Amino acid sequence: MSQTKNEILKLLSQYISMLCDLHENEIDFNLDLIEERLVDSIKANDVLAYIEETFNLALEEEHIFDRRFVSINGMAEVIMEILSNKS
């Protein structure tokens, strides 16, 4: 099933809100989650596993180290690119 960017943003924000014990509307989609210390290395691994499982994809090193991958919006962009290359 193909998902829109808004659907991906919603799923990511729900999961990261839960993981970081925040209210969903408290998260800025462009906020650098690492720099703001909302996501540490352990939570980052949880986010990676969630993305791979939820979107049925395999993240490669190039995706994980993509400069956009530090924000919810950036993660959604990378996921959209991966999904579009799968089809």
Foldseek 3Di string as FASTA:
>chain_A
DDDDLVVQLVVLLVVLCVVLVHDSVVFDQQDQCVVVVSADPVNLVVSQVCLCVVLVHHDDPCLCPPPLNRGSSSNSVSSNVRVVVVD
